Amino acid sequence: MEARAKARAFSVWRRSLTRVSLPALPCRRMPLAMNPLPSALAAPAVAALNHLLEQEPWARGQLVPFAGA
């Protein structure tokens, strides 16, 4: 029984060592929406998006305020 008590005490002690609070580090990953496309994919992706938007009058109306920006 004494061996179990020692083992339990050691286990609790060991777990307490791993629960050291570290300061939070800022996230270094860029959000997916801001992640730039590789240049090889940018032109075809923009062309495909423009093709889809040209077919939708409501989309064109929504994007007018951003034209030329």
Protein backbone atom coordinates (compact mmCIF):
# COMPACT_ATOMS: atom_id res chain seq x y z
CA MET A 1 0.00 0.00 0.00
CA GLU A 2 2.87 2.35 0.76
CA ALA A 3 4.25 1.84 -2.75
CA ARG A 4 0.94 2.97 -4.26
CA ALA A 5 0.90 6.10 -2.12
CA LYS A 6 4.44 6.95 -3.20
CA ALA A 7 3.59 6.31 -6.84
CA ARG A 8 0.50 8.51 -6.59
CA ALA A 9 2.45 11.30 -4.89
CA PHE A 10 5.12 11.09 -7.58
CA SER A 11 2.48 11.20 -10.30
CA VAL A 12 0.84 14.29 -8.79
CA TRP A 13 4.22 15.98 -8.43
CA ARG A 14 5.19 15.16 -12.04
CA ARG A 15 1.87 16.52 -13.38
CA SER A 16 2.33 19.71 -11.41
CA LEU A 17 5.60 20.31 -13.25
CA THR A 18 3.90 20.24 -16.63
CA ARG A 19 1.22 22.76 -15.64
CA VAL A 20 3.50 25.75 -15.55
CA SER A 21 1.67 28.75 -16.93
CA LEU A 22 3.49 30.34 -19.83
CA PRO A 23 2.71 33.76 -21.22
CA ALA A 24 0.45 33.66 -24.24
CA LEU A 25 2.33 34.09 -27.49
CA PRO A 26 0.78 36.06 -30.34
CA CYS A 27 -0.37 33.96 -33.25
CA ARG A 28 2.12 34.22 -36.08
CA ARG A 29 -0.15 32.69 -38.71
CA MET A 30 -1.85 35.03 -41.10
CA PRO A 31 -5.65 34.65 -41.30
CA LEU A 32 -6.71 32.61 -44.30
CA ALA A 33 -8.58 35.55 -45.85
CA MET A 34 -5.39 37.64 -45.84
CA ASN A 35 -3.09 34.88 -47.05
CA PRO A 36 -1.91 35.97 -50.50
CA LEU A 37 -2.20 33.46 -53.31
CA PRO A 38 1.00 32.34 -54.97
CA SER A 39 1.48 34.48 -58.05
CA ALA A 40 1.02 31.47 -60.35
CA LEU A 41 -2.54 31.04 -59.04
CA ALA A 42 -3.52 34.68 -58.58
CA ALA A 43 -4.25 35.59 -62.20
CA PRO A 44 -6.40 32.53 -63.02
CA ALA A 45 -8.26 32.87 -59.70
CA VAL A 46 -9.04 36.54 -60.33
CA ALA A 47 -10.10 35.79 -63.91
CA ALA A 48 -12.46 33.03 -62.75
CA LEU A 49 -13.95 35.24 -60.05
CA ASN A 50 -14.44 38.13 -62.48
CA HIS A 51 -16.12 35.77 -64.97
CA LEU A 52 -18.60 34.65 -62.32
CA LEU A 53 -19.29 38.18 -61.10
CA GLU A 54 -19.89 39.52 -64.63
CA GLN A 55 -22.83 37.11 -64.96
CA GLU A 56 -24.58 38.42 -61.83
CA PRO A 57 -26.09 41.93 -61.99
CA TRP A 58 -26.71 42.03 -58.23
CA ALA A 59 -23.02 41.34 -57.56
CA ARG A 60 -21.97 44.11 -59.91
CA GLY A 61 -24.28 46.52 -58.08
CA GLN A 62 -22.84 45.53 -54.71
CA LEU A 63 -19.25 46.02 -55.89
CA VAL A 64 -19.70 49.44 -57.56
CA PRO A 65 -18.57 51.37 -54.44
CA PHE A 66 -15.27 49.45 -54.49
CA ALA A 67 -14.51 49.92 -58.18
CA GLY A 68 -11.07 51.36 -58.80
CA ALA A 69 -9.94 50.84 -55.21
